[in-house]
PDB file of N, CA and C in Angstrom:
ATOM      1  N   UNK A   1      82.881  87.892 142.986  1.00  0.00           N
ATOM      2  CA  UNK A   1      83.724  87.048 143.421  1.00  0.00           C
ATOM      3  C   UNK A   1      84.793  87.009 142.342  1.00  0.00           C
ATOM      4  N   UNK A   2      85.551  86.714 142.264  1.00  0.00           N
ATOM      5  CA  UNK A   2      86.461  86.135 141.380  1.00  0.00           C
ATOM      6  C   UNK A   2      87.151  84.588 141.395  1.00  0.00           C
ATOM      7  N   UNK A   3      87.186  84.148 140.317  1.00  0.00           N
ATOM      8  CA  UNK A   3      87.261  82.865 139.674  1.00  0.00           C
ATOM      9  C   UNK A   3      88.606  82.189 139.099  1.00  0.00           C
ATOM     10  N   UNK A   4      89.474  81.826 140.062  1.00  0.00           N
ATOM     11  CA  UNK A   4      90.614  81.410 139.115  1.00  0.00           C
ATOM     12  C   UNK A   4      90.663  79.738 138.177  1.00  0.00           C
ATOM     13  N   UNK A   5      90.681  80.372 136.592  1.00  0.00           N
ATOM     14  CA  UNK A   5      90.388  79.473 135.782  1.00  0.00           C
ATOM     15  C   UNK A   5      91.475  78.692 135.510  1.00  0.00           C
ATOM     16  N   UNK A   6      93.073  79.217 135.756  1.00  0.00           N
ATOM     17  CA  UNK A   6      94.014  78.402 135.253  1.00  0.00           C
ATOM     18  C   UNK A   6      95.139  79.134 134.715  1.00  0.00           C
ATOM     19  N   UNK A   7      96.289  78.807 134.582  1.00  0.00           N
ATOM     20  CA  UNK A   7      96.990  79.793 133.897  1.00  0.00           C
ATOM     21  C   UNK A   7      97.337  81.388 134.356  1.00  0.00           C
ATOM     22  N   UNK A   8      97.086  81.444 135.773  1.00  0.00           N
ATOM     23  CA  UNK A   8      96.980  82.704 136.052  1.00  0.00           C
ATOM     24  C   UNK A   8      96.031  83.816 135.507  1.00  0.00           C
ATOM     25  N   UNK A   9      95.119  83.350 134.995  1.00  0.00           N
ATOM     26  CA  UNK A   9      93.636  83.610 134.677  1.00  0.00           C
ATOM     27  C   UNK A   9      92.746  83.706 135.617  1.00  0.00           C
ATOM     28  N   UNK A  10      92.102  84.969 135.651  1.00  0.00           N
ATOM     29  CA  UNK A  10      91.240  85.193 136.640  1.00  0.00           C
ATOM     30  C   UNK A  10      89.815  86.105 136.316  1.00  0.00           C
ATOM     31  N   UNK A  11      88.412  85.256 136.410  1.00  0.00           N
ATOM     32  CA  UNK A  11      87.489  86.487 135.696  1.00  0.00           C
ATOM     33  C   UNK A  11      86.385  86.394 136.854  1.00  0.00           C
ATOM     34  N   UNK A  12      85.473  87.198 136.706  1.00  0.00           N
ATOM     35  CA  UNK A  12      84.366  86.944 137.340  1.00  0.00           C
ATOM     36  C   UNK A  12      83.507  86.117 137.660  1.00  0.00           C
ATOM     37  N   UNK A  13      83.219  85.403 138.423  1.00  0.00           N
ATOM     38  CA  UNK A  13      82.021  84.664 138.683  1.00  0.00           C
ATOM     39  C   UNK A  13      80.912  85.047 138.214  1.00  0.00           C
ATOM     40  N   UNK A  14      80.128  85.841 138.206  1.00  0.00           N
ATOM     41  CA  UNK A  14      79.130  85.907 137.647  1.00  0.00           C
ATOM     42  C   UNK A  14      78.970  86.619 136.751  1.00  0.00           C
ATOM     43  N   UNK A  15      80.603  86.528 135.379  1.00  0.00           N
ATOM     44  CA  UNK A  15      80.350  86.384 134.114  1.00  0.00           C
ATOM     45  C   UNK A  15      79.931  85.270 133.469  1.00  0.00           C
ATOM     46  N   UNK A  16      80.169  83.916 134.360  1.00  0.00           N
ATOM     47  CA  UNK A  16      80.040  82.627 133.928  1.00  0.00           C
ATOM     48  C   UNK A  16      78.934  82.478 133.313  1.00  0.00           C
ATOM     49  N   UNK A  17      78.947  81.894 132.421  1.00  0.00           N
ATOM     50  CA  UNK A  17      77.357  80.992 131.667  1.00  0.00           C
ATOM     51  C   UNK A  17      77.196  79.902 131.886  1.00  0.00           C
ATOM     52  N   UNK A  18      78.508  79.144 131.296  1.00  0.00           N
ATOM     53  CA  UNK A  18      78.481  77.601 131.906  1.00  0.00           C
ATOM     54  C   UNK A  18      80.001  77.083 132.141  1.00  0.00           C
ATOM     55  N   UNK A  19      80.525  75.652 132.332  1.00  0.00           N
ATOM     56  CA  UNK A  19      81.246  75.482 132.583  1.00  0.00           C
ATOM     57  C   UNK A  19      81.448  74.182 132.329  1.00  0.00           C
ATOM     58  N   UNK A  20      82.113  73.462 131.273  1.00  0.00           N
ATOM     59  CA  UNK A  20      81.623  72.336 130.426  1.00  0.00           C
ATOM     60  C   UNK A  20      83.133  71.593 130.140  1.00  0.00           C
ATOM     61  N   UNK A  21      83.025  69.974 130.339  1.00  0.00           N
ATOM     62  CA  UNK A  21      83.779  68.983 129.902  1.00  0.00           C
ATOM     63  C   UNK A  21      84.328  69.613 128.319  1.00  0.00           C
ATOM     64  N   UNK A  22      85.619  69.351 128.000  1.00  0.00           N
ATOM     65  CA  UNK A  22      86.068  69.858 126.502  1.00  0.00           C
ATOM     66  C   UNK A  22      85.421  68.484 125.675  1.00  0.00           C
ATOM     67  N   UNK A  23      85.309  67.341 126.325  1.00  0.00           N
ATOM     68  CA  UNK A  23      84.361  66.409 125.232  1.00  0.00           C
ATOM     69  C   UNK A  23      82.769  67.058 124.514  1.00  0.00           C
ATOM     70  N   UNK A  24      82.408  67.870 125.039  1.00  0.00           N
ATOM     71  CA  UNK A  24      81.574  68.695 124.288  1.00  0.00           C
ATOM     72  C   UNK A  24      81.854  68.959 123.190  1.00  0.00           C
ATOM     73  N   UNK A  25      83.177  69.177 122.721  1.00  0.00           N
ATOM     74  CA  UNK A  25      83.454  69.920 121.249  1.00  0.00           C
ATOM     75  C   UNK A  25      83.408  68.845 120.241  1.00  0.00           C
ATOM     76  N   UNK A  26      83.065  67.571 120.622  1.00  0.00           N
ATOM     77  CA  UNK A  26      82.711  66.483 119.837  1.00  0.00           C
ATOM     78  C   UNK A  26      81.130  67.140 119.164  1.00  0.00           C
ATOM     79  N   UNK A  27      80.539  67.662 119.617  1.00  0.00           N
ATOM     80  CA  UNK A  27      79.319  68.129 119.069  1.00  0.00           C
ATOM     81  C   UNK A  27      79.321  68.938 117.919  1.00  0.00           C
ATOM     82  N   UNK A  28      78.552  68.781 116.551  1.00  0.00           N
ATOM     83  CA  UNK A  28      78.823  69.767 115.713  1.00  0.00           C
ATOM     84  C   UNK A  28      78.363  71.411 116.051  1.00  0.00           C
ATOM     85  N   UNK A  29      77.253  71.400 116.716  1.00  0.00           N
ATOM     86  CA  UNK A  29      76.910  72.710 117.596  1.00  0.00           C
ATOM     87  C   UNK A  29      78.213  73.276 117.921  1.00  0.00           C
ATOM     88  N   UNK A  30      78.607  72.757 119.352  1.00  0.00           N
ATOM     89  CA  UNK A  30      79.790  73.040 119.874  1.00  0.00           C
ATOM     90  C   UNK A  30      81.241  73.299 119.091  1.00  0.00           C
ATOM     91  N   UNK A  31      81.358  72.898 118.056  1.00  0.00           N
ATOM     92  CA  UNK A  31      82.260  72.807 116.853  1.00  0.00           C
ATOM     93  C   UNK A  31      81.961  74.112 116.529  1.00  0.00           C
ATOM     94  N   UNK A  32      80.776  74.617 115.809  1.00  0.00           N
ATOM     95  CA  UNK A  32      80.508  75.768 115.115  1.00  0.00           C
ATOM     96  C   UNK A  32      80.688  76.589 116.004  1.00  0.00           C
ATOM     97  N   UNK A  33      80.181  76.548 117.387  1.00  0.00           N
ATOM     98  CA  UNK A  33      80.468  77.547 118.467  1.00  0.00           C
ATOM     99  C   UNK A  33      82.088  78.210 118.399  1.00  0.00           C
ATOM    100  N   UNK A  34      82.854  76.906 118.745  1.00  0.00           N
ATOM    101  CA  UNK A  34      84.097  76.997 118.685  1.00  0.00           C
ATOM    102  C   UNK A  34      84.510  77.881 117.840  1.00  0.00           C
ATOM    103  N   UNK A  35      84.131  77.672 116.514  1.00  0.00           N
ATOM    104  CA  UNK A  35      84.762  78.454 114.963  1.00  0.00           C
ATOM    105  C   UNK A  35      84.526  79.901 115.211  1.00  0.00           C
ATOM    106  N   UNK A  36      82.929  80.032 114.906  1.00  0.00           N
ATOM    107  CA  UNK A  36      82.611  81.370 115.519  1.00  0.00           C
ATOM    108  C   UNK A  36      83.242  82.439 116.513  1.00  0.00           C
ATOM    109  N   UNK A  37      83.573  81.836 117.545  1.00  0.00           N
ATOM    110  CA  UNK A  37      84.215  82.313 118.875  1.00  0.00           C
ATOM    111  C   UNK A  37      85.838  82.695 118.420  1.00  0.00           C
ATOM    112  N   UNK A  38      86.550  81.489 117.567  1.00  0.00           N
ATOM    113  CA  UNK A  38      87.374  82.029 116.947  1.00  0.00           C
ATOM    114  C   UNK A  38      88.010  82.867 115.998  1.00  0.00           C
ATOM    115  N   UNK A  39      86.703  82.785 115.020  1.00  0.00           N
ATOM    116  CA  UNK A  39      86.622  84.066 114.072  1.00  0.00           C
ATOM    117  C   UNK A  39      86.384  85.230 114.822  1.00  0.00           C
ATOM    118  N   UNK A  40      85.898  85.501 115.731  1.00  0.00           N
ATOM    119  CA  UNK A  40      85.945  86.516 116.449  1.00  0.00           C
ATOM    120  C   UNK A  40      86.792  87.278 117.323  1.00  0.00           C
ATOM    121  N   UNK A  41      87.471  86.046 117.766  1.00  0.00           N
ATOM    122  CA  UNK A  41      89.116  86.519 118.378  1.00  0.00           C
ATOM    123  C   UNK A  41      88.442  86.461 120.118  1.00  0.00           C
ATOM    124  N   UNK A  42      87.879  85.745 120.276  1.00  0.00           N
ATOM    125  CA  UNK A  42      87.207  86.036 121.783  1.00  0.00           C
ATOM    126  C   UNK A  42      87.338  84.536 122.657  1.00  0.00           C
ATOM    127  N   UNK A  43      88.311  84.070 121.843  1.00  0.00           N
ATOM    128  CA  UNK A  43      88.867  82.486 122.374  1.00  0.00           C
ATOM    129  C   UNK A  43      89.878  82.498 122.941  1.00  0.00           C
ATOM    130  N   UNK A  44      90.292  81.963 124.345  1.00  0.00           N
ATOM    131  CA  UNK A  44      91.337  82.336 125.114  1.00  0.00           C
ATOM    132  C   UNK A  44      91.752  80.370 125.615  1.00  0.00           C
ATOM    133  N   UNK A  45      92.829  80.384 124.632  1.00  0.00           N
ATOM    134  CA  UNK A  45      93.838  78.508 125.219  1.00  0.00           C
ATOM    135  C   UNK A  45      94.742  79.092 126.119  1.00  0.00           C
ATOM    136  N   UNK A  46      94.439  78.444 127.861  1.00  0.00           N
ATOM    137  CA  UNK A  46      95.348  78.515 128.516  1.00  0.00           C
ATOM    138  C   UNK A  46      96.477  77.464 128.663  1.00  0.00           C
ATOM    139  N   UNK A  47      96.087  76.539 127.758  1.00  0.00           N
ATOM    140  CA  UNK A  47      96.689  75.252 127.792  1.00  0.00           C
ATOM    141  C   UNK A  47      96.624  74.407 126.704  1.00  0.00           C
ATOM    142  N   UNK A  48      97.670  73.430 126.602  1.00  0.00           N
ATOM    143  CA  UNK A  48      97.740  72.891 125.219  1.00  0.00           C
ATOM    144  C   UNK A  48      97.112  71.567 125.792  1.00  0.00           C
ATOM    145  N   UNK A  49      96.712  70.702 126.603  1.00  0.00           N
ATOM    146  CA  UNK A  49      95.838  70.016 127.215  1.00  0.00           C
ATOM    147  C   UNK A  49      94.580  70.397 128.065  1.00  0.00           C
ATOM    148  N   UNK A  50      93.563  71.527 127.171  1.00  0.00           N
ATOM    149  CA  UNK A  50      92.443  71.841 128.527  1.00  0.00           C
ATOM    150  C   UNK A  50      91.658  70.742 128.625  1.00  0.00           C
ATOM    151  N   UNK A  51      90.751  71.023 129.813  1.00  0.00           N
ATOM    152  CA  UNK A  51      90.252  70.120 130.603  1.00  0.00           C
ATOM    153  C   UNK A  51      88.761  70.320 130.600  1.00  0.00           C
ATOM    154  N   UNK A  52      88.665  72.158 130.586  1.00  0.00           N
ATOM    155  CA  UNK A  52      87.299  72.183 130.777  1.00  0.00           C
ATOM    156  C   UNK A  52      87.403  73.530 129.673  1.00  0.00           C
ATOM    157  N   UNK A  53      85.949  73.854 129.515  1.00  0.00           N
ATOM    158  CA  UNK A  53      85.435  75.097 128.445  1.00  0.00           C
ATOM    159  C   UNK A  53      84.694  75.847 129.336  1.00  0.00           C
ATOM    160  N   UNK A  54      85.552  77.006 130.018  1.00  0.00           N
ATOM    161  CA  UNK A  54      84.443  77.915 130.556  1.00  0.00           C
ATOM    162  C   UNK A  54      83.753  78.689 129.579  1.00  0.00           C
ATOM    163  N   UNK A  55      82.597  79.353 129.699  1.00  0.00           N
ATOM    164  CA  UNK A  55      81.657  80.144 128.759  1.00  0.00           C
ATOM    165  C   UNK A  55      81.508  81.362 129.720  1.00  0.00           C
ATOM    166  N   UNK A  56      81.854  82.722 129.266  1.00  0.00           N
ATOM    167  CA  UNK A  56      81.142  83.505 129.489  1.00  0.00           C
ATOM    168  C   UNK A  56      80.923  84.430 128.330  1.00  0.00           C
ATOM    169  N   UNK A  57      79.991  85.662 129.211  1.00  0.00           N
ATOM    170  CA  UNK A  57      79.432  86.694 128.573  1.00  0.00           C
ATOM    171  C   UNK A  57      80.204  87.253 127.122  1.00  0.00           C
ATOM    172  N   UNK A  58      81.614  86.997 127.431  1.00  0.00           N
ATOM    173  CA  UNK A  58      82.153  87.895 126.384  1.00  0.00           C
ATOM    174  C   UNK A  58      83.295  86.844 125.553  1.00  0.00           C
ATOM    175  N   UNK A  59      83.399  85.807 126.435  1.00  0.00           N
ATOM    176  CA  UNK A  59      84.701  84.996 125.807  1.00  0.00           C
ATOM    177  C   UNK A  59      84.188  83.660 126.183  1.00  0.00           C
ATOM    178  N   UNK A  60      85.412  82.740 125.224  1.00  0.00           N
ATOM    179  CA  UNK A  60      85.391  80.967 125.473  1.00  0.00           C
ATOM    180  C   UNK A  60      86.918  80.829 126.243  1.00  0.00           C
ATOM    181  N   UNK A  61      86.901  80.647 127.334  1.00  0.00           N
ATOM    182  CA  UNK A  61      88.477  80.135 127.791  1.00  0.00           C
ATOM    183  C   UNK A  61      88.702  78.335 127.705  1.00  0.00           C
ATOM    184  N   UNK A  62      89.278  78.110 127.354  1.00  0.00           N
ATOM    185  CA  UNK A  62      90.138  76.388 127.538  1.00  0.00           C
ATOM    186  C   UNK A  62      90.883  76.460 128.493  1.00  0.00           C
ATOM    187  N   UNK A  63      90.254  75.807 129.755  1.00  0.00           N
ATOM    188  CA  UNK A  63      91.214  75.859 131.134  1.00  0.00           C
ATOM    189  C   UNK A  63      91.708  74.541 131.137  1.00  0.00           C
ATOM    190  N   UNK A  64      93.432  74.407 131.839  1.00  0.00           N
ATOM    191  CA  UNK A  64      93.441  73.069 132.012  1.00  0.00           C
ATOM    192  C   UNK A  64      92.785  72.835 133.219  1.00  0.00           C
ATOM    193  N   UNK A  65      92.118  73.686 134.309  1.00  0.00           N
ATOM    194  CA  UNK A  65      91.373  72.837 135.326  1.00  0.00           C
ATOM    195  C   UNK A  65      90.243  72.266 135.120  1.00  0.00           C
ATOM    196  N   UNK A  66      90.124  71.084 135.960  1.00  0.00           N
ATOM    197  CA  UNK A  66      88.753  70.296 135.710  1.00  0.00           C
ATOM    198  C   UNK A  66      87.172  70.703 135.832  1.00  0.00           C
ATOM    199  N   UNK A  67      86.522  70.726 135.492  1.00  0.00           N
ATOM    200  CA  UNK A  67      84.740  70.884 136.015  1.00  0.00           C
ATOM    201  C   UNK A  67      84.893  70.795 137.056  1.00  0.00           C
ATOM    202  N   UNK A  68      85.051  69.428 137.882  1.00  0.00           N
ATOM    203  CA  UNK A  68      84.814  69.567 139.165  1.00  0.00           C
ATOM    204  C   UNK A  68      85.712  70.563 140.008  1.00  0.00           C
ATOM    205  N   UNK A  69      87.169  70.855 139.603  1.00  0.00           N
ATOM    206  CA  UNK A  69      87.656  71.596 140.582  1.00  0.00           C
ATOM    207  C   UNK A  69      87.053  73.235 140.353  1.00  0.00           C
ATOM    208  N   UNK A  70      86.560  73.667 139.137  1.00  0.00           N
ATOM    209  CA  UNK A  70      86.469  74.944 138.954  1.00  0.00           C
ATOM    210  C   UNK A  70      84.841  74.931 139.427  1.00  0.00           C
ATOM    211  N   UNK A  71      83.874  73.935 139.632  1.00  0.00           N
ATOM    212  CA  UNK A  71      82.723  74.111 140.274  1.00  0.00           C
ATOM    213  C   UNK A  71      82.941  74.190 141.814  1.00  0.00           C
ATOM    214  N   UNK A  72      83.389  73.499 142.288  1.00  0.00           N
ATOM    215  CA  UNK A  72      84.217  73.519 143.905  1.00  0.00           C
ATOM    216  C   UNK A  72      84.528  75.018 144.282  1.00  0.00           C
ATOM    217  N   UNK A  73      85.600  75.695 143.214  1.00  0.00           N
ATOM    218  CA  UNK A  73      85.878  77.260 143.292  1.00  0.00           C
ATOM    219  C   UNK A  73      84.964  78.215 143.425  1.00  0.00           C
ATOM    220  N   UNK A  74      83.787  77.915 142.442  1.00  0.00           N
ATOM    221  CA  UNK A  74      82.853  78.886 142.198  1.00  0.00           C
ATOM    222  C   UNK A  74      81.292  78.331 143.574  1.00  0.00           C
ATOM    223  N   UNK A  75      81.597  77.268 143.445  1.00  0.00           N
ATOM    224  CA  UNK A  75      80.736  77.143 145.280  1.00  0.00           C
ATOM    225  C   UNK A  75      81.511  77.847 146.418  1.00  0.00           C
ATOM    226  N   UNK A  76      82.377  77.620 146.770  1.00  0.00           N
ATOM    227  CA  UNK A  76      83.314  78.144 147.285  1.00  0.00           C
ATOM    228  C   UNK A  76      82.944  79.649 147.651  1.00  0.00           C
ATOM    229  N   UNK A  77      83.333  80.240 146.214  1.00  0.00           N
ATOM    230  CA  UNK A  77      83.312  81.925 146.527  1.00  0.00           C
ATOM    231  C   UNK A  77      82.228  82.403 146.745  1.00  0.00           C
ATOM    232  N   UNK A  78      80.991  81.420 146.905  1.00  0.00           N
ATOM    233  CA  UNK A  78      79.596  81.964 146.553  1.00  0.00           C
ATOM    234  C   UNK A  78      79.162  81.473 148.562  1.00  0.00           C
ATOM    235  N   UNK A  79      80.115  80.909 148.976  1.00  0.00           N
ATOM    236  CA  UNK A  79      79.985  80.191 150.285  1.00  0.00           C
ATOM    237  C   UNK A  79      79.213  79.051 150.553  1.00  0.00           C
ATOM    238  N   UNK A  80      78.930  78.527 149.853  1.00  0.00           N
ATOM    239  CA  UNK A  80      78.275  76.882 149.554  1.00  0.00           C
ATOM    240  C   UNK A  80      79.205  75.541 149.928  1.00  0.00           C
ATOM    241  N   UNK A  81      78.816  75.067 150.124  1.00  0.00           N
ATOM    242  CA  UNK A  81      79.719  73.584 150.229  1.00  0.00           C
ATOM    243  C   UNK A  81      78.738  72.213 149.381  1.00  0.00           C
ATOM    244  N   UNK A  82      79.584  71.495 148.474  1.00  0.00           N
ATOM    245  CA  UNK A  82      79.304  70.404 147.659  1.00  0.00           C
ATOM    246  C   UNK A  82      78.768  69.397 148.598  1.00  0.00           C
TER     247      UNK A  82
END
């Protein structure tokens, strides 16, 4: 199934490793991950004011969509209700 992460970008939800609040970027380990991802050119910024970070098998996406909305979309595509 597909997951719309904002900015007209759609990914396969089975490639999603995690969906996190942008607040995790305050952690030193998270900053290191972001720097590595930028260095490898695997980061996609969909908005200047991201609300969530979607980590997939091959990239990190900064999404303008909230974590709660992305979670609902994943559950809906899996046929689950929260």
